[in-house]
């Protein structure tokens, strides 16, 4: 299967985001953003990230290029599932931030440390 174009990906992402009840988006002042590039940290592709910035507010960025690098030959259903998982993951960061929690961020750091030691 051919990978979704940037516009097709954006439409799938919009569909996932539009299904989120508004009360979960409280204080997500910068909303959702999509970039064409990929983002990596060491050997790991970053599909999305939650950002808190004193000037820009809180927002979520998705990296189309990272999805392409990981899913290029996968089915559309696989792409949709990964988009939904990434949206949920980033919303969890946002909700934990609002609640003053860092459970997900701590777990990610532990996973990264374990991967780097092996």
PDB file of N, CA and C in Angstrom:
ATOM      1  N   UNK A   1       0.844  -1.182   0.000  1.00  0.00           N
ATOM      2  CA  UNK A   1       0.000   0.000   0.000  1.00  0.00           C
ATOM      3  C   UNK A   1       0.877   1.229   0.000  1.00  0.00           C
ATOM      4  N   UNK A   2       0.512   2.179  -0.774  1.00  0.00           N
ATOM      5  CA  UNK A   2       1.263   3.435  -0.829  1.00  0.00           C
ATOM      6  C   UNK A   2       0.997   4.241   0.438  1.00  0.00           C
ATOM      7  N   UNK A   3       2.024   4.892   0.889  1.00  0.00           N
ATOM      8  CA  UNK A   3       1.846   5.694   2.108  1.00  0.00           C
ATOM      9  C   UNK A   3       0.865   6.834   1.844  1.00  0.00           C
ATOM     10  N   UNK A   4       0.115   7.228   2.883  1.00  0.00           N
ATOM     11  CA  UNK A   4      -0.785   8.375   2.723  1.00  0.00           C
ATOM     12  C   UNK A   4       0.027   9.643   2.420  1.00  0.00           C
ATOM     13  N   UNK A   5      -0.502  10.483   1.568  1.00  0.00           N
ATOM     14  CA  UNK A   5       0.133  11.773   1.317  1.00  0.00           C
ATOM     15  C   UNK A   5       0.028  12.614   2.586  1.00  0.00           C
ATOM     16  N   UNK A   6       0.744  13.712   2.591  1.00  0.00           N
ATOM     17  CA  UNK A   6       0.669  14.629   3.731  1.00  0.00           C
ATOM     18  C   UNK A   6      -0.777  15.074   3.957  1.00  0.00           C
ATOM     19  N   UNK A   7      -1.493  15.412   2.885  1.00  0.00           N
ATOM     20  CA  UNK A   7      -2.885  15.862   3.012  1.00  0.00           C
ATOM     21  C   UNK A   7      -3.806  14.746   3.502  1.00  0.00           C
ATOM     22  N   UNK A   8      -3.586  13.524   3.026  1.00  0.00           N
ATOM     23  CA  UNK A   8      -4.383  12.387   3.500  1.00  0.00           C
ATOM     24  C   UNK A   8      -4.116  12.125   4.978  1.00  0.00           C
ATOM     25  N   UNK A   9      -2.848  12.221   5.363  1.00  0.00           N
ATOM     26  CA  UNK A   9      -2.487  12.061   6.771  1.00  0.00           C
ATOM     27  C   UNK A   9      -3.163  13.138   7.614  1.00  0.00           C
ATOM     28  N   UNK A  10      -3.113  14.379   7.133  1.00  0.00           N
ATOM     29  CA  UNK A  10      -3.738  15.492   7.860  1.00  0.00           C
ATOM     30  C   UNK A  10      -5.231  15.239   8.052  1.00  0.00           C
ATOM     31  N   UNK A  11      -5.895  14.686   7.038  1.00  0.00           N
ATOM     32  CA  UNK A  11      -7.326  14.388   7.147  1.00  0.00           C
ATOM     33  C   UNK A  11      -7.580  13.298   8.186  1.00  0.00           C
ATOM     34  N   UNK A  12      -6.730  12.274   8.223  1.00  0.00           N
ATOM     35  CA  UNK A  12      -6.870  11.215   9.239  1.00  0.00           C
ATOM     36  C   UNK A  12      -6.634  11.774  10.641  1.00  0.00           C
ATOM     37  N   UNK A  13      -5.638  12.641  10.756  1.00  0.00           N
ATOM     38  CA  UNK A  13      -5.350  13.265  12.047  1.00  0.00           C
ATOM     39  C   UNK A  13      -6.511  14.152  12.478  1.00  0.00           C
ATOM     40  N   UNK A  14      -7.047  14.947  11.556  1.00  0.00           N
ATOM     41  CA  UNK A  14      -8.203  15.802  11.871  1.00  0.00           C
ATOM     42  C   UNK A  14      -9.374  14.972  12.367  1.00  0.00           C
ATOM     43  N   UNK A  15      -9.618  13.840  11.725  1.00  0.00           N
ATOM     44  CA  UNK A  15     -10.727  12.981  12.131  1.00  0.00           C
ATOM     45  C   UNK A  15     -10.527  12.489  13.567  1.00  0.00           C
ATOM     46  N   UNK A  16      -9.316  12.091  13.906  1.00  0.00           N
ATOM     47  CA  UNK A  16      -9.023  11.626  15.267  1.00  0.00           C
ATOM     48  C   UNK A  16      -9.189  12.755  16.276  1.00  0.00           C
ATOM     49  N   UNK A  17      -8.643  13.911  15.961  1.00  0.00           N
ATOM     50  CA  UNK A  17      -8.686  15.062  16.871  1.00  0.00           C
ATOM     51  C   UNK A  17     -10.119  15.572  17.050  1.00  0.00           C
ATOM     52  N   UNK A  18     -10.885  15.587  15.963  1.00  0.00           N
ATOM     53  CA  UNK A  18     -12.267  16.096  16.032  1.00  0.00           C
ATOM     54  C   UNK A  18     -13.169  15.230  16.903  1.00  0.00           C
ATOM     55  N   UNK A  19     -12.762  14.005  17.184  1.00  0.00           N
ATOM     56  CA  UNK A  19     -13.587  13.123  18.017  1.00  0.00           C
ATOM     57  C   UNK A  19     -13.317  13.299  19.510  1.00  0.00           C
ATOM     58  N   UNK A  20     -12.363  14.151  19.871  1.00  0.00           N
ATOM     59  CA  UNK A  20     -12.033  14.374  21.280  1.00  0.00           C
ATOM     60  C   UNK A  20     -13.040  15.350  21.892  1.00  0.00           C
ATOM     61  N   UNK A  21     -13.694  14.957  22.983  1.00  0.00           N
ATOM     62  CA  UNK A  21     -14.612  15.890  23.651  1.00  0.00           C
ATOM     63  C   UNK A  21     -13.877  17.158  24.099  1.00  0.00           C
ATOM     64  N   UNK A  22     -14.489  18.313  23.906  1.00  0.00           N
ATOM     65  CA  UNK A  22     -13.820  19.599  24.181  1.00  0.00           C
ATOM     66  C   UNK A  22     -13.260  19.749  25.593  1.00  0.00           C
ATOM     67  N   UNK A  23     -13.892  19.146  26.584  1.00  0.00           N
ATOM     68  CA  UNK A  23     -13.398  19.352  27.953  1.00  0.00           C
ATOM     69  C   UNK A  23     -12.002  18.747  28.160  1.00  0.00           C
ATOM     70  N   UNK A  24     -11.590  17.814  27.311  1.00  0.00           N
ATOM     71  CA  UNK A  24     -10.238  17.258  27.408  1.00  0.00           C
ATOM     72  C   UNK A  24      -9.200  18.206  26.800  1.00  0.00           C
ATOM     73  N   UNK A  25      -9.660  19.190  26.064  1.00  0.00           N
ATOM     74  CA  UNK A  25      -8.762  20.109  25.368  1.00  0.00           C
ATOM     75  C   UNK A  25      -8.598  21.445  26.096  1.00  0.00           C
ATOM     76  N   UNK A  26      -9.179  21.522  27.276  1.00  0.00           N
ATOM     77  CA  UNK A  26      -9.093  22.748  28.069  1.00  0.00           C
ATOM     78  C   UNK A  26      -7.618  23.155  28.237  1.00  0.00           C
ATOM     79  N   UNK A  27      -7.346  24.403  27.992  1.00  0.00           N
ATOM     80  CA  UNK A  27      -6.012  25.001  28.132  1.00  0.00           C
ATOM     81  C   UNK A  27      -4.982  24.485  27.120  1.00  0.00           C
ATOM     82  N   UNK A  28      -5.430  23.798  26.105  1.00  0.00           N
ATOM     83  CA  UNK A  28      -4.534  23.432  25.003  1.00  0.00           C
ATOM     84  C   UNK A  28      -4.577  24.609  24.025  1.00  0.00           C
ATOM     85  N   UNK A  29      -3.921  25.697  24.444  1.00  0.00           N
ATOM     86  CA  UNK A  29      -4.079  26.990  23.791  1.00  0.00           C
ATOM     87  C   UNK A  29      -3.569  27.044  22.360  1.00  0.00           C
ATOM     88  N   UNK A  30      -2.563  26.235  22.054  1.00  0.00           N
ATOM     89  CA  UNK A  30      -2.001  26.233  20.703  1.00  0.00           C
ATOM     90  C   UNK A  30      -2.554  25.127  19.831  1.00  0.00           C
ATOM     91  N   UNK A  31      -3.441  24.316  20.386  1.00  0.00           N
ATOM     92  CA  UNK A  31      -4.096  23.266  19.619  1.00  0.00           C
ATOM     93  C   UNK A  31      -3.156  22.197  19.110  1.00  0.00           C
ATOM     94  N   UNK A  32      -3.505  21.671  17.948  1.00  0.00           N
ATOM     95  CA  UNK A  32      -2.764  20.585  17.305  1.00  0.00           C
ATOM     96  C   UNK A  32      -2.069  21.125  16.064  1.00  0.00           C
ATOM     97  N   UNK A  33      -0.833  20.725  15.884  1.00  0.00           N
ATOM     98  CA  UNK A  33      -0.026  21.204  14.770  1.00  0.00           C
ATOM     99  C   UNK A  33       0.606  20.016  14.061  1.00  0.00           C
ATOM    100  N   UNK A  34       0.750  20.131  12.762  1.00  0.00           N
ATOM    101  CA  UNK A  34       1.326  19.058  11.962  1.00  0.00           C
ATOM    102  C   UNK A  34       2.496  19.607  11.167  1.00  0.00           C
ATOM    103  N   UNK A  35       3.632  18.923  11.277  1.00  0.00           N
ATOM    104  CA  UNK A  35       4.813  19.288  10.502  1.00  0.00           C
ATOM    105  C   UNK A  35       5.149  18.165   9.531  1.00  0.00           C
ATOM    106  N   UNK A  36       5.709  18.522   8.398  1.00  0.00           N
ATOM    107  CA  UNK A  36       6.047  17.529   7.381  1.00  0.00           C
ATOM    108  C   UNK A  36       7.311  16.759   7.715  1.00  0.00           C
ATOM    109  N   UNK A  37       8.185  17.336   8.468  1.00  0.00           N
ATOM    110  CA  UNK A  37       9.477  16.720   8.746  1.00  0.00           C
ATOM    111  C   UNK A  37       9.354  15.557   9.730  1.00  0.00           C
ATOM    112  N   UNK A  38      10.465  14.837   9.882  1.00  0.00           N
ATOM    113  CA  UNK A  38      10.531  13.817  10.918  1.00  0.00           C
ATOM    114  C   UNK A  38      11.389  14.350  12.050  1.00  0.00           C
ATOM    115  N   UNK A  39      11.206  13.762  13.211  1.00  0.00           N
ATOM    116  CA  UNK A  39      11.990  14.160  14.370  1.00  0.00           C
ATOM    117  C   UNK A  39      12.510  12.899  15.038  1.00  0.00           C
ATOM    118  N   UNK A  40      13.800  12.931  15.372  1.00  0.00           N
ATOM    119  CA  UNK A  40      14.435  11.774  16.008  1.00  0.00           C
ATOM    120  C   UNK A  40      15.163  12.219  17.267  1.00  0.00           C
ATOM    121  N   UNK A  41      15.224  11.317  18.211  1.00  0.00           N
ATOM    122  CA  UNK A  41      16.102  11.451  19.365  1.00  0.00           C
ATOM    123  C   UNK A  41      16.859  10.142  19.445  1.00  0.00           C
ATOM    124  N   UNK A  42      18.161  10.209  19.271  1.00  0.00           N
ATOM    125  CA  UNK A  42      18.994   9.018  19.144  1.00  0.00           C
ATOM    126  C   UNK A  42      18.428   8.171  18.004  1.00  0.00           C
ATOM    127  N   UNK A  43      18.080   6.925  18.258  1.00  0.00           N
ATOM    128  CA  UNK A  43      17.540   6.053  17.216  1.00  0.00           C
ATOM    129  C   UNK A  43      16.022   5.972  17.254  1.00  0.00           C
ATOM    130  N   UNK A  44      15.368   6.869  17.971  1.00  0.00           N
ATOM    131  CA  UNK A  44      13.919   6.813  18.155  1.00  0.00           C
ATOM    132  C   UNK A  44      13.228   7.937  17.379  1.00  0.00           C
ATOM    133  N   UNK A  45      12.225   7.556  16.603  1.00  0.00           N
ATOM    134  CA  UNK A  45      11.419   8.558  15.918  1.00  0.00           C
ATOM    135  C   UNK A  45      10.379   9.102  16.879  1.00  0.00           C
ATOM    136  N   UNK A  46      10.208  10.411  16.877  1.00  0.00           N
ATOM    137  CA  UNK A  46       9.197  11.078  17.676  1.00  0.00           C
ATOM    138  C   UNK A  46       7.995  11.300  16.768  1.00  0.00           C
ATOM    139  N   UNK A  47       6.875  10.648  17.085  1.00  0.00           N
ATOM    140  CA  UNK A  47       5.676  10.782  16.270  1.00  0.00           C
ATOM    141  C   UNK A  47       4.913  12.046  16.624  1.00  0.00           C
ATOM    142  N   UNK A  48       4.926  12.383  17.900  1.00  0.00           N
ATOM    143  CA  UNK A  48       4.235  13.568  18.373  1.00  0.00           C
ATOM    144  C   UNK A  48       4.855  14.013  19.677  1.00  0.00           C
ATOM    145  N   UNK A  49       4.588  15.253  20.032  1.00  0.00           N
ATOM    146  CA  UNK A  49       5.070  15.721  21.335  1.00  0.00           C
ATOM    147  C   UNK A  49       4.168  16.819  21.869  1.00  0.00           C
ATOM    148  N   UNK A  50       4.047  16.795  23.184  1.00  0.00           N
ATOM    149  CA  UNK A  50       3.285  17.807  23.902  1.00  0.00           C
ATOM    150  C   UNK A  50       4.279  18.867  24.345  1.00  0.00           C
ATOM    151  N   UNK A  51       3.978  20.111  24.059  1.00  0.00           N
ATOM    152  CA  UNK A  51       4.898  21.201  24.368  1.00  0.00           C
ATOM    153  C   UNK A  51       4.194  22.233  25.235  1.00  0.00           C
ATOM    154  N   UNK A  52       4.894  22.631  26.294  1.00  0.00           N
ATOM    155  CA  UNK A  52       4.444  23.736  27.144  1.00  0.00           C
ATOM    156  C   UNK A  52       5.491  24.832  27.017  1.00  0.00           C
ATOM    157  N   UNK A  53       5.053  25.998  26.578  1.00  0.00           N
ATOM    158  CA  UNK A  53       5.969  27.109  26.353  1.00  0.00           C
ATOM    159  C   UNK A  53       5.382  28.352  27.001  1.00  0.00           C
ATOM    160  N   UNK A  54       6.211  29.096  27.725  1.00  0.00           N
ATOM    161  CA  UNK A  54       5.713  30.270  28.437  1.00  0.00           C
ATOM    162  C   UNK A  54       5.158  31.339  27.499  1.00  0.00           C
ATOM    163  N   UNK A  55       5.660  31.387  26.277  1.00  0.00           N
ATOM    164  CA  UNK A  55       5.179  32.393  25.324  1.00  0.00           C
ATOM    165  C   UNK A  55       4.067  31.853  24.411  1.00  0.00           C
ATOM    166  N   UNK A  56       4.204  30.606  23.983  1.00  0.00           N
ATOM    167  CA  UNK A  56       3.283  30.031  22.998  1.00  0.00           C
ATOM    168  C   UNK A  56       2.134  29.242  23.616  1.00  0.00           C
ATOM    169  N   UNK A  57       2.237  28.925  24.883  1.00  0.00           N
ATOM    170  CA  UNK A  57       1.198  28.144  25.540  1.00  0.00           C
ATOM    171  C   UNK A  57       1.435  26.646  25.384  1.00  0.00           C
ATOM    172  N   UNK A  58       0.359  25.876  25.494  1.00  0.00           N
ATOM    173  CA  UNK A  58       0.417  24.418  25.402  1.00  0.00           C
ATOM    174  C   UNK A  58      -0.105  23.985  24.041  1.00  0.00           C
ATOM    175  N   UNK A  59       0.625  23.067  23.408  1.00  0.00           N
ATOM    176  CA  UNK A  59       0.182  22.579  22.107  1.00  0.00           C
ATOM    177  C   UNK A  59       0.806  21.218  21.830  1.00  0.00           C
ATOM    178  N   UNK A  60       0.274  20.562  20.826  1.00  0.00           N
ATOM    179  CA  UNK A  60       0.754  19.240  20.436  1.00  0.00           C
ATOM    180  C   UNK A  60       1.204  19.307  18.980  1.00  0.00           C
ATOM    181  N   UNK A  61       2.366  18.708  18.711  1.00  0.00           N
ATOM    182  CA  UNK A  61       2.920  18.667  17.362  1.00  0.00           C
ATOM    183  C   UNK A  61       3.021  17.204  16.924  1.00  0.00           C
ATOM    184  N   UNK A  62       2.617  16.945  15.689  1.00  0.00           N
ATOM    185  CA  UNK A  62       2.751  15.629  15.074  1.00  0.00           C
ATOM    186  C   UNK A  62       3.732  15.750  13.913  1.00  0.00           C
ATOM    187  N   UNK A  63       4.548  14.709  13.715  1.00  0.00           N
ATOM    188  CA  UNK A  63       5.589  14.725  12.697  1.00  0.00           C
ATOM    189  C   UNK A  63       5.281  13.679  11.624  1.00  0.00           C
ATOM    190  N   UNK A  64       4.738  14.135  10.507  1.00  0.00           N
ATOM    191  CA  UNK A  64       4.389  13.260   9.398  1.00  0.00           C
ATOM    192  C   UNK A  64       5.586  12.422   8.957  1.00  0.00           C
ATOM    193  N   UNK A  65       6.751  13.028   8.835  1.00  0.00           N
ATOM    194  CA  UNK A  65       7.947  12.308   8.393  1.00  0.00           C
ATOM    195  C   UNK A  65       8.320  11.144   9.296  1.00  0.00           C
ATOM    196  N   UNK A  66       8.073  11.276  10.584  1.00  0.00           N
ATOM    197  CA  UNK A  66       8.351  10.180  11.511  1.00  0.00           C
ATOM    198  C   UNK A  66       7.379   9.027  11.292  1.00  0.00           C
ATOM    199  N   UNK A  67       6.115   9.351  11.047  1.00  0.00           N
ATOM    200  CA  UNK A  67       5.137   8.307  10.734  1.00  0.00           C
ATOM    201  C   UNK A  67       5.547   7.578   9.451  1.00  0.00           C
ATOM    202  N   UNK A  68       5.991   8.343   8.436  1.00  0.00           N
ATOM    203  CA  UNK A  68       6.415   7.736   7.179  1.00  0.00           C
ATOM    204  C   UNK A  68       7.582   6.782   7.427  1.00  0.00           C
ATOM    205  N   UNK A  69       8.562   7.223   8.198  1.00  0.00           N
ATOM    206  CA  UNK A  69       9.741   6.402   8.458  1.00  0.00           C
ATOM    207  C   UNK A  69       9.377   5.080   9.140  1.00  0.00           C
ATOM    208  N   UNK A  70       8.385   5.103   9.999  1.00  0.00           N
ATOM    209  CA  UNK A  70       8.005   3.897  10.738  1.00  0.00           C
ATOM    210  C   UNK A  70       6.945   3.053  10.041  1.00  0.00           C
ATOM    211  N   UNK A  71       6.054   3.681   9.280  1.00  0.00           N
ATOM    212  CA  UNK A  71       4.870   2.979   8.774  1.00  0.00           C
ATOM    213  C   UNK A  71       4.738   2.945   7.259  1.00  0.00           C
ATOM    214  N   UNK A  72       5.743   3.356   6.545  1.00  0.00           N
ATOM    215  CA  UNK A  72       5.623   3.567   5.095  1.00  0.00           C
ATOM    216  C   UNK A  72       4.919   2.434   4.351  1.00  0.00           C
ATOM    217  N   UNK A  73       5.221   1.202   4.680  1.00  0.00           N
ATOM    218  CA  UNK A  73       4.650   0.069   3.952  1.00  0.00           C
ATOM    219  C   UNK A  73       3.443  -0.558   4.645  1.00  0.00           C
ATOM    220  N   UNK A  74       2.939   0.064   5.674  1.00  0.00           N
ATOM    221  CA  UNK A  74       1.818  -0.498   6.438  1.00  0.00           C
ATOM    222  C   UNK A  74       0.481  -0.114   5.815  1.00  0.00           C
ATOM    223  N   UNK A  75      -0.560  -0.798   6.246  1.00  0.00           N
ATOM    224  CA  UNK A  75      -1.916  -0.546   5.747  1.00  0.00           C
ATOM    225  C   UNK A  75      -2.463   0.774   6.294  1.00  0.00           C
ATOM    226  N   UNK A  76      -3.495   1.282   5.651  1.00  0.00           N
ATOM    227  CA  UNK A  76      -4.155   2.498   6.118  1.00  0.00           C
ATOM    228  C   UNK A  76      -4.706   2.287   7.524  1.00  0.00           C
ATOM    229  N   UNK A  77      -5.226   1.096   7.800  1.00  0.00           N
ATOM    230  CA  UNK A  77      -5.742   0.805   9.144  1.00  0.00           C
ATOM    231  C   UNK A  77      -4.641   0.911  10.192  1.00  0.00           C
ATOM    232  N   UNK A  78      -3.450   0.473   9.846  1.00  0.00           N
ATOM    233  CA  UNK A  78      -2.309   0.582  10.764  1.00  0.00           C
ATOM    234  C   UNK A  78      -1.970   2.055  11.003  1.00  0.00           C
ATOM    235  N   UNK A  79      -1.960   2.854   9.940  1.00  0.00           N
ATOM    236  CA  UNK A  79      -1.709   4.292  10.069  1.00  0.00           C
ATOM    237  C   UNK A  79      -2.749   4.933  10.979  1.00  0.00           C
ATOM    238  N   UNK A  80      -4.028   4.617  10.749  1.00  0.00           N
ATOM    239  CA  UNK A  80      -5.098   5.209  11.563  1.00  0.00           C
ATOM    240  C   UNK A  80      -4.944   4.828  13.028  1.00  0.00           C
ATOM    241  N   UNK A  81      -4.622   3.568  13.288  1.00  0.00           N
ATOM    242  CA  UNK A  81      -4.449   3.111  14.666  1.00  0.00           C
ATOM    243  C   UNK A  81      -3.278   3.831  15.337  1.00  0.00           C
ATOM    244  N   UNK A  82      -2.187   4.009  14.614  1.00  0.00           N
ATOM    245  CA  UNK A  82      -1.018   4.691  15.184  1.00  0.00           C
ATOM    246  C   UNK A  82      -1.312   6.165  15.431  1.00  0.00           C
ATOM    247  N   UNK A  83      -2.059   6.781  14.534  1.00  0.00           N
ATOM    248  CA  UNK A  83      -2.457   8.181  14.734  1.00  0.00           C
ATOM    249  C   UNK A  83      -3.295   8.302  16.005  1.00  0.00           C
ATOM    250  N   UNK A  84      -4.279   7.428  16.161  1.00  0.00           N
ATOM    251  CA  UNK A  84      -5.138   7.472  17.352  1.00  0.00           C
ATOM    252  C   UNK A  84      -4.319   7.236  18.612  1.00  0.00           C
ATOM    253  N   UNK A  85      -3.428   6.249  18.589  1.00  0.00           N
ATOM    254  CA  UNK A  85      -2.581   5.985  19.761  1.00  0.00           C
ATOM    255  C   UNK A  85      -1.723   7.196  20.113  1.00  0.00           C
ATOM    256  N   UNK A  86      -1.185   7.856  19.086  1.00  0.00           N
ATOM    257  CA  UNK A  86      -0.329   9.021  19.329  1.00  0.00           C
ATOM    258  C   UNK A  86      -1.135  10.193  19.861  1.00  0.00           C
ATOM    259  N   UNK A  87      -2.323  10.420  19.316  1.00  0.00           N
ATOM    260  CA  UNK A  87      -3.195  11.487  19.827  1.00  0.00           C
ATOM    261  C   UNK A  87      -3.510  11.227  21.300  1.00  0.00           C
ATOM    262  N   UNK A  88      -3.907  10.010  21.624  1.00  0.00           N
ATOM    263  CA  UNK A  88      -4.236   9.674  23.017  1.00  0.00           C
ATOM    264  C   UNK A  88      -3.030   9.858  23.928  1.00  0.00           C
ATOM    265  N   UNK A  89      -1.876   9.445  23.455  1.00  0.00           N
ATOM    266  CA  UNK A  89      -0.647   9.575  24.239  1.00  0.00           C
ATOM    267  C   UNK A  89      -0.349  11.044  24.558  1.00  0.00           C
ATOM    268  N   UNK A  90      -0.440  11.893  23.539  1.00  0.00           N
ATOM    269  CA  UNK A  90      -0.132  13.310  23.751  1.00  0.00           C
ATOM    270  C   UNK A  90      -1.198  14.008  24.598  1.00  0.00           C
ATOM    271  N   UNK A  91      -2.452  13.620  24.434  1.00  0.00           N
ATOM    272  CA  UNK A  91      -3.509  14.171  25.287  1.00  0.00           C
ATOM    273  C   UNK A  91      -3.279  13.754  26.737  1.00  0.00           C
ATOM    274  N   UNK A  92      -2.787  12.531  26.949  1.00  0.00           N
ATOM    275  CA  UNK A  92      -2.473  12.095  28.310  1.00  0.00           C
ATOM    276  C   UNK A  92      -1.414  13.004  28.924  1.00  0.00           C
ATOM    277  N   UNK A  93      -0.381  13.353  28.139  1.00  0.00           N
ATOM    278  CA  UNK A  93       0.623  14.299  28.651  1.00  0.00           C
ATOM    279  C   UNK A  93      -0.051  15.611  29.064  1.00  0.00           C
ATOM    280  N   UNK A  94      -0.947  16.116  28.219  1.00  0.00           N
ATOM    281  CA  UNK A  94      -1.627  17.378  28.509  1.00  0.00           C
ATOM    282  C   UNK A  94      -2.453  17.276  29.791  1.00  0.00           C
ATOM    283  N   UNK A  95      -3.235  16.217  29.919  1.00  0.00           N
ATOM    284  CA  UNK A  95      -4.089  16.063  31.098  1.00  0.00           C
ATOM    285  C   UNK A  95      -3.258  15.876  32.363  1.00  0.00           C
ATOM    286  N   UNK A  96      -2.178  15.136  32.261  1.00  0.00           N
ATOM    287  CA  UNK A  96      -1.295  14.974  33.422  1.00  0.00           C
ATOM    288  C   UNK A  96      -0.667  16.306  33.800  1.00  0.00           C
ATOM    289  N   UNK A  97      -0.310  17.107  32.822  1.00  0.00           N
ATOM    290  CA  UNK A  97       0.252  18.427  33.104  1.00  0.00           C
ATOM    291  C   UNK A  97      -0.756  19.302  33.837  1.00  0.00           C
ATOM    292  N   UNK A  98      -1.999  19.278  33.378  1.00  0.00           N
ATOM    293  CA  UNK A  98      -3.046  20.060  34.048  1.00  0.00           C
ATOM    294  C   UNK A  98      -3.241  19.614  35.491  1.00  0.00           C
ATOM    295  N   UNK A  99      -3.045  18.314  35.725  1.00  0.00           N
ATOM    296  CA  UNK A  99      -3.243  17.752  37.065  1.00  0.00           C
ATOM    297  C   UNK A  99      -1.981  17.820  37.917  1.00  0.00           C
ATOM    298  N   UNK A 100      -0.902  18.335  37.348  1.00  0.00           N
ATOM    299  CA  UNK A 100       0.349  18.410  38.092  1.00  0.00           C
ATOM    300  C   UNK A 100       1.025  17.053  38.248  1.00  0.00           C
ATOM    301  N   UNK A 101       0.767  16.143  37.343  1.00  0.00           N
ATOM    302  CA  UNK A 101       1.336  14.794  37.383  1.00  0.00           C
ATOM    303  C   UNK A 101       2.367  14.641  36.271  1.00  0.00           C
ATOM    304  N   UNK A 102       3.293  13.707  36.469  1.00  0.00           N
ATOM    305  CA  UNK A 102       4.295  13.430  35.449  1.00  0.00           C
ATOM    306  C   UNK A 102       4.495  11.928  35.264  1.00  0.00           C
ATOM    307  N   UNK A 103       3.467  11.134  35.540  1.00  0.00           N
ATOM    308  CA  UNK A 103       3.609   9.682  35.491  1.00  0.00           C
ATOM    309  C   UNK A 103       4.065   9.188  34.120  1.00  0.00           C
ATOM    310  N   UNK A 104       3.444   9.668  33.067  1.00  0.00           N
ATOM    311  CA  UNK A 104       3.791   9.215  31.718  1.00  0.00           C
ATOM    312  C   UNK A 104       5.201   9.652  31.350  1.00  0.00           C
ATOM    313  N   UNK A 105       5.565  10.863  31.664  1.00  0.00           N
ATOM    314  CA  UNK A 105       6.910  11.350  31.358  1.00  0.00           C
ATOM    315  C   UNK A 105       7.966  10.535  32.112  1.00  0.00           C
ATOM    316  N   UNK A 106       7.703  10.218  33.369  1.00  0.00           N
ATOM    317  CA  UNK A 106       8.641   9.401  34.148  1.00  0.00           C
ATOM    318  C   UNK A 106       8.793   8.018  33.529  1.00  0.00           C
ATOM    319  N   UNK A 107       7.674   7.415  33.116  1.00  0.00           N
ATOM    320  CA  UNK A 107       7.718   6.088  32.510  1.00  0.00           C
ATOM    321  C   UNK A 107       8.514   6.122  31.195  1.00  0.00           C
ATOM    322  N   UNK A 108       8.341   7.184  30.416  1.00  0.00           N
ATOM    323  CA  UNK A 108       9.088   7.303  29.157  1.00  0.00           C
ATOM    324  C   UNK A 108      10.589   7.418  29.415  1.00  0.00           C
ATOM    325  N   UNK A 109      10.976   8.176  30.416  1.00  0.00           N
ATOM    326  CA  UNK A 109      12.393   8.329  30.765  1.00  0.00           C
ATOM    327  C   UNK A 109      12.967   6.984  31.203  1.00  0.00           C
ATOM    328  N   UNK A 110      12.208   6.242  32.004  1.00  0.00           N
ATOM    329  CA  UNK A 110      12.664   4.916  32.440  1.00  0.00           C
ATOM    330  C   UNK A 110      12.837   3.978  31.256  1.00  0.00           C
ATOM    331  N   UNK A 111      11.900   3.991  30.308  1.00  0.00           N
ATOM    332  CA  UNK A 111      12.000   3.138  29.117  1.00  0.00           C
ATOM    333  C   UNK A 111      13.207   3.515  28.282  1.00  0.00           C
ATOM    334  N   UNK A 112      13.452   4.805  28.132  1.00  0.00           N
ATOM    335  CA  UNK A 112      14.595   5.269  27.354  1.00  0.00           C
ATOM    336  C   UNK A 112      15.909   4.866  28.028  1.00  0.00           C
ATOM    337  N   UNK A 113      15.985   5.048  29.327  1.00  0.00           N
ATOM    338  CA  UNK A 113      17.199   4.667  30.053  1.00  0.00           C
ATOM    339  C   UNK A 113      17.461   3.176  29.913  1.00  0.00           C
ATOM    340  N   UNK A 114      16.426   2.367  30.012  1.00  0.00           N
ATOM    341  CA  UNK A 114      16.578   0.918  29.873  1.00  0.00           C
ATOM    342  C   UNK A 114      17.060   0.566  28.458  1.00  0.00           C
ATOM    343  N   UNK A 115      16.485   1.216  27.455  1.00  0.00           N
ATOM    344  CA  UNK A 115      16.882   0.942  26.063  1.00  0.00           C
ATOM    345  C   UNK A 115      18.330   1.345  25.810  1.00  0.00           C
ATOM    346  N   UNK A 116      18.762   2.442  26.392  1.00  0.00           N
ATOM    347  CA  UNK A 116      20.128   2.918  26.163  1.00  0.00           C
ATOM    348  C   UNK A 116      21.161   2.030  26.855  1.00  0.00           C
ATOM    349  N   UNK A 117      20.764   1.364  27.942  1.00  0.00           N
ATOM    350  CA  UNK A 117      21.687   0.487  28.671  1.00  0.00           C
ATOM    351  C   UNK A 117      21.824  -0.876  28.019  1.00  0.00           C
ATOM    352  N   UNK A 118      20.864  -1.249  27.160  1.00  0.00           N
ATOM    353  CA  UNK A 118      20.941  -2.596  26.565  1.00  0.00           C
ATOM    354  C   UNK A 118      21.721  -2.615  25.279  1.00  0.00           C
TER     355      UNK A 118
END
